[in-house]
């Protein structure tokens, strides 16, 4: 396991891992669009085995929700 604390390193690692592996799982407090990781996730959405995205405080971008709301392995949650 590797702890990544820098945003640029996280974005770079996320994109690399999406490309490298056949299955992708993720859980995030919120999600957005307009960065390389989002584009890689969209292009490789067939690889998502589980995706959980928080929606509390309206931080998740509506376009992200719209894009993945019907994906069989994605879920959103709000508190």
PDB file of N, CA and C in Angstrom:
ATOM      1  N   UNK A   1       0.840  -1.164   0.000  1.00  0.00           N
ATOM      2  CA  UNK A   1       0.000   0.000   0.000  1.00  0.00           C
ATOM      3  C   UNK A   1       0.893   1.236   0.000  1.00  0.00           C
ATOM      4  N   UNK A   2       0.398   2.268  -0.661  1.00  0.00           N
ATOM      5  CA  UNK A   2       1.142   3.515  -0.759  1.00  0.00           C
ATOM      6  C   UNK A   2       0.209   4.671  -0.395  1.00  0.00           C
ATOM      7  N   UNK A   3       0.637   5.509   0.501  1.00  0.00           N
ATOM      8  CA  UNK A   3      -0.118   6.699   0.882  1.00  0.00           C
ATOM      9  C   UNK A   3       0.305   7.842  -0.026  1.00  0.00           C
ATOM     10  N   UNK A   4      -0.658   8.412  -0.736  1.00  0.00           N
ATOM     11  CA  UNK A   4      -0.380   9.514  -1.662  1.00  0.00           C
ATOM     12  C   UNK A   4      -1.032  10.763  -1.078  1.00  0.00           C
ATOM     13  N   UNK A   5      -0.237  11.786  -0.825  1.00  0.00           N
ATOM     14  CA  UNK A   5      -0.745  12.983  -0.160  1.00  0.00           C
ATOM     15  C   UNK A   5      -0.729  14.235  -1.030  1.00  0.00           C
ATOM     16  N   UNK A   6      -0.124  14.168  -2.188  1.00  0.00           N
ATOM     17  CA  UNK A   6      -0.052  15.323  -3.085  1.00  0.00           C
ATOM     18  C   UNK A   6      -1.078  15.174  -4.210  1.00  0.00           C
ATOM     19  N   UNK A   7      -1.891  16.194  -4.463  1.00  0.00           N
ATOM     20  CA  UNK A   7      -2.926  16.105  -5.497  1.00  0.00           C
ATOM     21  C   UNK A   7      -2.410  15.708  -6.883  1.00  0.00           C
ATOM     22  N   UNK A   8      -1.303  16.278  -7.309  1.00  0.00           N
ATOM     23  CA  UNK A   8      -0.781  15.948  -8.641  1.00  0.00           C
ATOM     24  C   UNK A   8      -0.329  14.501  -8.717  1.00  0.00           C
ATOM     25  N   UNK A   9       0.300  14.016  -7.659  1.00  0.00           N
ATOM     26  CA  UNK A   9       0.737  12.621  -7.624  1.00  0.00           C
ATOM     27  C   UNK A   9      -0.470  11.687  -7.607  1.00  0.00           C
ATOM     28  N   UNK A  10      -1.513  12.073  -6.887  1.00  0.00           N
ATOM     29  CA  UNK A  10      -2.729  11.255  -6.845  1.00  0.00           C
ATOM     30  C   UNK A  10      -3.371  11.179  -8.230  1.00  0.00           C
ATOM     31  N   UNK A  11      -3.503  12.300  -8.897  1.00  0.00           N
ATOM     32  CA  UNK A  11      -4.102  12.324 -10.237  1.00  0.00           C
ATOM     33  C   UNK A  11      -3.294  11.486 -11.220  1.00  0.00           C
ATOM     34  N   UNK A  12      -1.999  11.614 -11.164  1.00  0.00           N
ATOM     35  CA  UNK A  12      -1.113  10.854 -12.058  1.00  0.00           C
ATOM     36  C   UNK A  12      -1.217   9.351 -11.769  1.00  0.00           C
ATOM     37  N   UNK A  13      -1.200   8.984 -10.501  1.00  0.00           N
ATOM     38  CA  UNK A  13      -1.272   7.572 -10.115  1.00  0.00           C
ATOM     39  C   UNK A  13      -2.625   6.980 -10.483  1.00  0.00           C
ATOM     40  N   UNK A  14      -3.705   7.706 -10.236  1.00  0.00           N
ATOM     41  CA  UNK A  14      -5.043   7.238 -10.569  1.00  0.00           C
ATOM     42  C   UNK A  14      -5.155   6.946 -12.064  1.00  0.00           C
ATOM     43  N   UNK A  15      -4.703   7.857 -12.885  1.00  0.00           N
ATOM     44  CA  UNK A  15      -4.753   7.669 -14.337  1.00  0.00           C
ATOM     45  C   UNK A  15      -3.924   6.471 -14.775  1.00  0.00           C
ATOM     46  N   UNK A  16      -2.732   6.338 -14.216  1.00  0.00           N
ATOM     47  CA  UNK A  16      -1.852   5.221 -14.561  1.00  0.00           C
ATOM     48  C   UNK A  16      -2.484   3.882 -14.182  1.00  0.00           C
ATOM     49  N   UNK A  17      -3.058   3.825 -12.988  1.00  0.00           N
ATOM     50  CA  UNK A  17      -3.645   2.563 -12.520  1.00  0.00           C
ATOM     51  C   UNK A  17      -4.886   2.176 -13.323  1.00  0.00           C
ATOM     52  N   UNK A  18      -5.686   3.156 -13.723  1.00  0.00           N
ATOM     53  CA  UNK A  18      -6.854   2.863 -14.564  1.00  0.00           C
ATOM     54  C   UNK A  18      -6.407   2.218 -15.868  1.00  0.00           C
ATOM     55  N   UNK A  19      -5.366   2.754 -16.457  1.00  0.00           N
ATOM     56  CA  UNK A  19      -4.865   2.208 -17.724  1.00  0.00           C
ATOM     57  C   UNK A  19      -4.262   0.814 -17.543  1.00  0.00           C
ATOM     58  N   UNK A  20      -3.578   0.602 -16.444  1.00  0.00           N
ATOM     59  CA  UNK A  20      -2.793  -0.612 -16.234  1.00  0.00           C
ATOM     60  C   UNK A  20      -3.620  -1.841 -15.862  1.00  0.00           C
ATOM     61  N   UNK A  21      -4.719  -1.653 -15.139  1.00  0.00           N
ATOM     62  CA  UNK A  21      -5.445  -2.787 -14.573  1.00  0.00           C
ATOM     63  C   UNK A  21      -6.777  -3.055 -15.272  1.00  0.00           C
ATOM     64  N   UNK A  22      -7.257  -4.284 -15.133  1.00  0.00           N
ATOM     65  CA  UNK A  22      -8.505  -4.704 -15.773  1.00  0.00           C
ATOM     66  C   UNK A  22      -9.738  -4.336 -14.964  1.00  0.00           C
ATOM     67  N   UNK A  23      -9.566  -4.147 -13.650  1.00  0.00           N
ATOM     68  CA  UNK A  23     -10.682  -3.779 -12.778  1.00  0.00           C
ATOM     69  C   UNK A  23     -10.294  -2.573 -11.943  1.00  0.00           C
ATOM     70  N   UNK A  24     -11.269  -1.687 -11.728  1.00  0.00           N
ATOM     71  CA  UNK A  24     -11.045  -0.474 -10.956  1.00  0.00           C
ATOM     72  C   UNK A  24     -12.124  -0.382  -9.881  1.00  0.00           C
ATOM     73  N   UNK A  25     -11.711  -0.122  -8.648  1.00  0.00           N
ATOM     74  CA  UNK A  25     -12.632   0.152  -7.540  1.00  0.00           C
ATOM     75  C   UNK A  25     -12.215   1.474  -6.910  1.00  0.00           C
ATOM     76  N   UNK A  26     -13.205   2.272  -6.528  1.00  0.00           N
ATOM     77  CA  UNK A  26     -12.882   3.547  -5.883  1.00  0.00           C
ATOM     78  C   UNK A  26     -14.026   3.978  -4.980  1.00  0.00           C
ATOM     79  N   UNK A  27     -13.682   4.732  -3.969  1.00  0.00           N
ATOM     80  CA  UNK A  27     -14.660   5.365  -3.082  1.00  0.00           C
ATOM     81  C   UNK A  27     -14.129   6.762  -2.777  1.00  0.00           C
ATOM     82  N   UNK A  28     -14.947   7.762  -3.022  1.00  0.00           N
ATOM     83  CA  UNK A  28     -14.530   9.148  -2.818  1.00  0.00           C
ATOM     84  C   UNK A  28     -15.643   9.941  -2.143  1.00  0.00           C
ATOM     85  N   UNK A  29     -15.254  10.986  -1.435  1.00  0.00           N
ATOM     86  CA  UNK A  29     -16.234  11.846  -0.772  1.00  0.00           C
ATOM     87  C   UNK A  29     -17.040  12.652  -1.788  1.00  0.00           C
ATOM     88  N   UNK A  30     -16.398  13.061  -2.866  1.00  0.00           N
ATOM     89  CA  UNK A  30     -17.071  13.761  -3.967  1.00  0.00           C
ATOM     90  C   UNK A  30     -16.257  13.558  -5.233  1.00  0.00           C
ATOM     91  N   UNK A  31     -16.860  13.882  -6.360  1.00  0.00           N
ATOM     92  CA  UNK A  31     -16.198  13.674  -7.651  1.00  0.00           C
ATOM     93  C   UNK A  31     -16.506  14.848  -8.573  1.00  0.00           C
ATOM     94  N   UNK A  32     -15.607  15.061  -9.515  1.00  0.00           N
ATOM     95  CA  UNK A  32     -15.772  16.157 -10.458  1.00  0.00           C
ATOM     96  C   UNK A  32     -15.377  15.686 -11.847  1.00  0.00           C
ATOM     97  N   UNK A  33     -15.308  16.583 -12.765  1.00  0.00           N
ATOM     98  CA  UNK A  33     -14.895  16.289 -14.131  1.00  0.00           C
ATOM     99  C   UNK A  33     -13.858  17.313 -14.552  1.00  0.00           C
ATOM    100  N   UNK A  34     -13.357  17.164 -15.772  1.00  0.00           N
ATOM    101  CA  UNK A  34     -12.439  18.172 -16.294  1.00  0.00           C
ATOM    102  C   UNK A  34     -10.991  17.953 -15.923  1.00  0.00           C
ATOM    103  N   UNK A  35     -10.621  16.721 -15.633  1.00  0.00           N
ATOM    104  CA  UNK A  35      -9.216  16.408 -15.387  1.00  0.00           C
ATOM    105  C   UNK A  35      -8.924  15.041 -15.992  1.00  0.00           C
ATOM    106  N   UNK A  36      -7.654  14.741 -16.160  1.00  0.00           N
ATOM    107  CA  UNK A  36      -7.240  13.532 -16.863  1.00  0.00           C
ATOM    108  C   UNK A  36      -7.829  12.258 -16.251  1.00  0.00           C
ATOM    109  N   UNK A  37      -7.889  12.171 -14.926  1.00  0.00           N
ATOM    110  CA  UNK A  37      -8.433  10.981 -14.273  1.00  0.00           C
ATOM    111  C   UNK A  37      -9.887  10.730 -14.636  1.00  0.00           C
ATOM    112  N   UNK A  38     -10.671  11.789 -14.724  1.00  0.00           N
ATOM    113  CA  UNK A  38     -12.070  11.656 -15.129  1.00  0.00           C
ATOM    114  C   UNK A  38     -12.165  11.123 -16.552  1.00  0.00           C
ATOM    115  N   UNK A  39     -11.379  11.698 -17.444  1.00  0.00           N
ATOM    116  CA  UNK A  39     -11.395  11.260 -18.842  1.00  0.00           C
ATOM    117  C   UNK A  39     -10.978   9.791 -18.961  1.00  0.00           C
ATOM    118  N   UNK A  40      -9.977   9.381 -18.197  1.00  0.00           N
ATOM    119  CA  UNK A  40      -9.539   7.975 -18.211  1.00  0.00           C
ATOM    120  C   UNK A  40     -10.634   7.070 -17.663  1.00  0.00           C
ATOM    121  N   UNK A  41     -11.315   7.522 -16.607  1.00  0.00           N
ATOM    122  CA  UNK A  41     -12.397   6.731 -16.025  1.00  0.00           C
ATOM    123  C   UNK A  41     -13.543   6.557 -17.016  1.00  0.00           C
ATOM    124  N   UNK A  42     -13.906   7.621 -17.707  1.00  0.00           N
ATOM    125  CA  UNK A  42     -14.960   7.541 -18.722  1.00  0.00           C
ATOM    126  C   UNK A  42     -14.542   6.582 -19.838  1.00  0.00           C
ATOM    127  N   UNK A  43     -13.320   6.722 -20.322  1.00  0.00           N
ATOM    128  CA  UNK A  43     -12.841   5.877 -21.423  1.00  0.00           C
ATOM    129  C   UNK A  43     -12.722   4.411 -21.019  1.00  0.00           C
ATOM    130  N   UNK A  44     -12.542   4.161 -19.725  1.00  0.00           N
ATOM    131  CA  UNK A  44     -12.361   2.790 -19.235  1.00  0.00           C
ATOM    132  C   UNK A  44     -13.467   2.382 -18.273  1.00  0.00           C
ATOM    133  N   UNK A  45     -14.657   2.924 -18.448  1.00  0.00           N
ATOM    134  CA  UNK A  45     -15.747   2.666 -17.503  1.00  0.00           C
ATOM    135  C   UNK A  45     -16.120   1.187 -17.426  1.00  0.00           C
ATOM    136  N   UNK A  46     -15.822   0.423 -18.454  1.00  0.00           N
ATOM    137  CA  UNK A  46     -16.099  -1.016 -18.414  1.00  0.00           C
ATOM    138  C   UNK A  46     -15.262  -1.723 -17.355  1.00  0.00           C
ATOM    139  N   UNK A  47     -14.187  -1.086 -16.911  1.00  0.00           N
ATOM    140  CA  UNK A  47     -13.298  -1.665 -15.911  1.00  0.00           C
ATOM    141  C   UNK A  47     -13.777  -1.435 -14.477  1.00  0.00           C
ATOM    142  N   UNK A  48     -14.778  -0.580 -14.286  1.00  0.00           N
ATOM    143  CA  UNK A  48     -15.238  -0.267 -12.928  1.00  0.00           C
ATOM    144  C   UNK A  48     -15.939  -1.481 -12.338  1.00  0.00           C
ATOM    145  N   UNK A  49     -15.369  -2.031 -11.273  1.00  0.00           N
ATOM    146  CA  UNK A  49     -16.024  -3.139 -10.588  1.00  0.00           C
ATOM    147  C   UNK A  49     -16.828  -2.619  -9.399  1.00  0.00           C
ATOM    148  N   UNK A  50     -16.418  -1.476  -8.825  1.00  0.00           N
ATOM    149  CA  UNK A  50     -17.188  -0.823  -7.772  1.00  0.00           C
ATOM    150  C   UNK A  50     -16.753   0.631  -7.695  1.00  0.00           C
ATOM    151  N   UNK A  51     -17.732   1.521  -7.696  1.00  0.00           N
ATOM    152  CA  UNK A  51     -17.464   2.939  -7.547  1.00  0.00           C
ATOM    153  C   UNK A  51     -18.483   3.557  -6.610  1.00  0.00           C
ATOM    154  N   UNK A  52     -18.016   4.200  -5.576  1.00  0.00           N
ATOM    155  CA  UNK A  52     -18.894   4.832  -4.595  1.00  0.00           C
ATOM    156  C   UNK A  52     -18.508   6.311  -4.504  1.00  0.00           C
ATOM    157  N   UNK A  53     -19.516   7.178  -4.670  1.00  0.00           N
ATOM    158  CA  UNK A  53     -19.272   8.621  -4.692  1.00  0.00           C
ATOM    159  C   UNK A  53     -20.239   9.310  -3.739  1.00  0.00           C
ATOM    160  N   UNK A  54     -19.706  10.133  -2.860  1.00  0.00           N
ATOM    161  CA  UNK A  54     -20.547  10.895  -1.943  1.00  0.00           C
ATOM    162  C   UNK A  54     -21.187  12.089  -2.634  1.00  0.00           C
ATOM    163  N   UNK A  55     -22.361  12.456  -2.165  1.00  0.00           N
ATOM    164  CA  UNK A  55     -23.061  13.609  -2.728  1.00  0.00           C
ATOM    165  C   UNK A  55     -23.448  14.622  -1.656  1.00  0.00           C
ATOM    166  N   UNK A  56     -23.067  14.380  -0.411  1.00  0.00           N
ATOM    167  CA  UNK A  56     -23.395  15.281   0.689  1.00  0.00           C
ATOM    168  C   UNK A  56     -22.750  16.648   0.450  1.00  0.00           C
ATOM    169  N   UNK A  57     -23.404  17.711   0.829  1.00  0.00           N
ATOM    170  CA  UNK A  57     -22.949  19.095   0.652  1.00  0.00           C
ATOM    171  C   UNK A  57     -22.894  19.514  -0.815  1.00  0.00           C
ATOM    172  N   UNK A  58     -23.466  18.748  -1.702  1.00  0.00           N
ATOM    173  CA  UNK A  58     -23.554  19.095  -3.126  1.00  0.00           C
ATOM    174  C   UNK A  58     -22.177  19.376  -3.737  1.00  0.00           C
ATOM    175  N   UNK A  59     -21.163  18.633  -3.342  1.00  0.00           N
ATOM    176  CA  UNK A  59     -19.815  18.839  -3.859  1.00  0.00           C
ATOM    177  C   UNK A  59     -19.552  18.065  -5.142  1.00  0.00           C
ATOM    178  N   UNK A  60     -20.275  16.970  -5.373  1.00  0.00           N
ATOM    179  CA  UNK A  60     -20.065  16.181  -6.582  1.00  0.00           C
ATOM    180  C   UNK A  60     -20.673  16.907  -7.772  1.00  0.00           C
ATOM    181  N   UNK A  61     -19.901  17.013  -8.839  1.00  0.00           N
ATOM    182  CA  UNK A  61     -20.356  17.719 -10.040  1.00  0.00           C
ATOM    183  C   UNK A  61     -21.542  16.973 -10.660  1.00  0.00           C
ATOM    184  N   UNK A  62     -22.613  17.671 -11.012  1.00  0.00           N
ATOM    185  CA  UNK A  62     -23.793  17.036 -11.608  1.00  0.00           C
ATOM    186  C   UNK A  62     -23.479  16.232 -12.871  1.00  0.00           C
ATOM    187  N   UNK A  63     -22.523  16.679 -13.667  1.00  0.00           N
ATOM    188  CA  UNK A  63     -22.168  15.945 -14.879  1.00  0.00           C
ATOM    189  C   UNK A  63     -21.543  14.592 -14.557  1.00  0.00           C
ATOM    190  N   UNK A  64     -20.794  14.511 -13.455  1.00  0.00           N
ATOM    191  CA  UNK A  64     -20.233  13.225 -13.039  1.00  0.00           C
ATOM    192  C   UNK A  64     -21.362  12.271 -12.667  1.00  0.00           C
ATOM    193  N   UNK A  65     -22.322  12.756 -11.894  1.00  0.00           N
ATOM    194  CA  UNK A  65     -23.463  11.922 -11.494  1.00  0.00           C
ATOM    195  C   UNK A  65     -24.229  11.462 -12.725  1.00  0.00           C
ATOM    196  N   UNK A  66     -24.501  12.383 -13.629  1.00  0.00           N
ATOM    197  CA  UNK A  66     -25.241  12.039 -14.834  1.00  0.00           C
ATOM    198  C   UNK A  66     -24.506  10.982 -15.656  1.00  0.00           C
ATOM    199  N   UNK A  67     -23.207  11.121 -15.773  1.00  0.00           N
ATOM    200  CA  UNK A  67     -22.420  10.189 -16.591  1.00  0.00           C
ATOM    201  C   UNK A  67     -22.415   8.776 -16.022  1.00  0.00           C
ATOM    202  N   UNK A  68     -22.386   8.638 -14.690  1.00  0.00           N
ATOM    203  CA  UNK A  68     -22.237   7.318 -14.087  1.00  0.00           C
ATOM    204  C   UNK A  68     -23.473   6.812 -13.344  1.00  0.00           C
ATOM    205  N   UNK A  69     -24.565   7.551 -13.353  1.00  0.00           N
ATOM    206  CA  UNK A  69     -25.723   7.163 -12.551  1.00  0.00           C
ATOM    207  C   UNK A  69     -26.319   5.818 -12.944  1.00  0.00           C
ATOM    208  N   UNK A  70     -26.168   5.411 -14.175  1.00  0.00           N
ATOM    209  CA  UNK A  70     -26.742   4.139 -14.615  1.00  0.00           C
ATOM    210  C   UNK A  70     -25.705   3.035 -14.747  1.00  0.00           C
ATOM    211  N   UNK A  71     -24.475   3.325 -14.388  1.00  0.00           N
ATOM    212  CA  UNK A  71     -23.435   2.292 -14.449  1.00  0.00           C
ATOM    213  C   UNK A  71     -23.760   1.224 -13.413  1.00  0.00           C
ATOM    214  N   UNK A  72     -23.720  -0.018 -13.806  1.00  0.00           N
ATOM    215  CA  UNK A  72     -24.149  -1.115 -12.939  1.00  0.00           C
ATOM    216  C   UNK A  72     -23.327  -1.242 -11.661  1.00  0.00           C
ATOM    217  N   UNK A  73     -22.118  -0.714 -11.636  1.00  0.00           N
ATOM    218  CA  UNK A  73     -21.249  -0.870 -10.464  1.00  0.00           C
ATOM    219  C   UNK A  73     -21.014   0.426  -9.703  1.00  0.00           C
ATOM    220  N   UNK A  74     -21.728   1.494 -10.041  1.00  0.00           N
ATOM    221  CA  UNK A  74     -21.506   2.775  -9.379  1.00  0.00           C
ATOM    222  C   UNK A  74     -22.687   3.106  -8.468  1.00  0.00           C
ATOM    223  N   UNK A  75     -22.376   3.728  -7.342  1.00  0.00           N
ATOM    224  CA  UNK A  75     -23.394   4.161  -6.400  1.00  0.00           C
ATOM    225  C   UNK A  75     -23.030   5.537  -5.873  1.00  0.00           C
ATOM    226  N   UNK A  76     -24.057   6.333  -5.596  1.00  0.00           N
ATOM    227  CA  UNK A  76     -23.857   7.616  -4.939  1.00  0.00           C
ATOM    228  C   UNK A  76     -24.544   7.559  -3.583  1.00  0.00           C
ATOM    229  N   UNK A  77     -24.042   8.314  -2.643  1.00  0.00           N
ATOM    230  CA  UNK A  77     -24.669   8.354  -1.335  1.00  0.00           C
ATOM    231  C   UNK A  77     -24.609   9.772  -0.790  1.00  0.00           C
ATOM    232  N   UNK A  78     -25.567  10.120  -0.008  1.00  0.00           N
ATOM    233  CA  UNK A  78     -25.602  11.400   0.670  1.00  0.00           C
ATOM    234  C   UNK A  78     -26.076  11.195   2.094  1.00  0.00           C
ATOM    235  N   UNK A  79     -25.632  12.020   2.975  1.00  0.00           N
ATOM    236  CA  UNK A  79     -26.013  11.882   4.392  1.00  0.00           C
ATOM    237  C   UNK A  79     -26.915  13.005   4.816  1.00  0.00           C
TER     238      UNK A  79
END
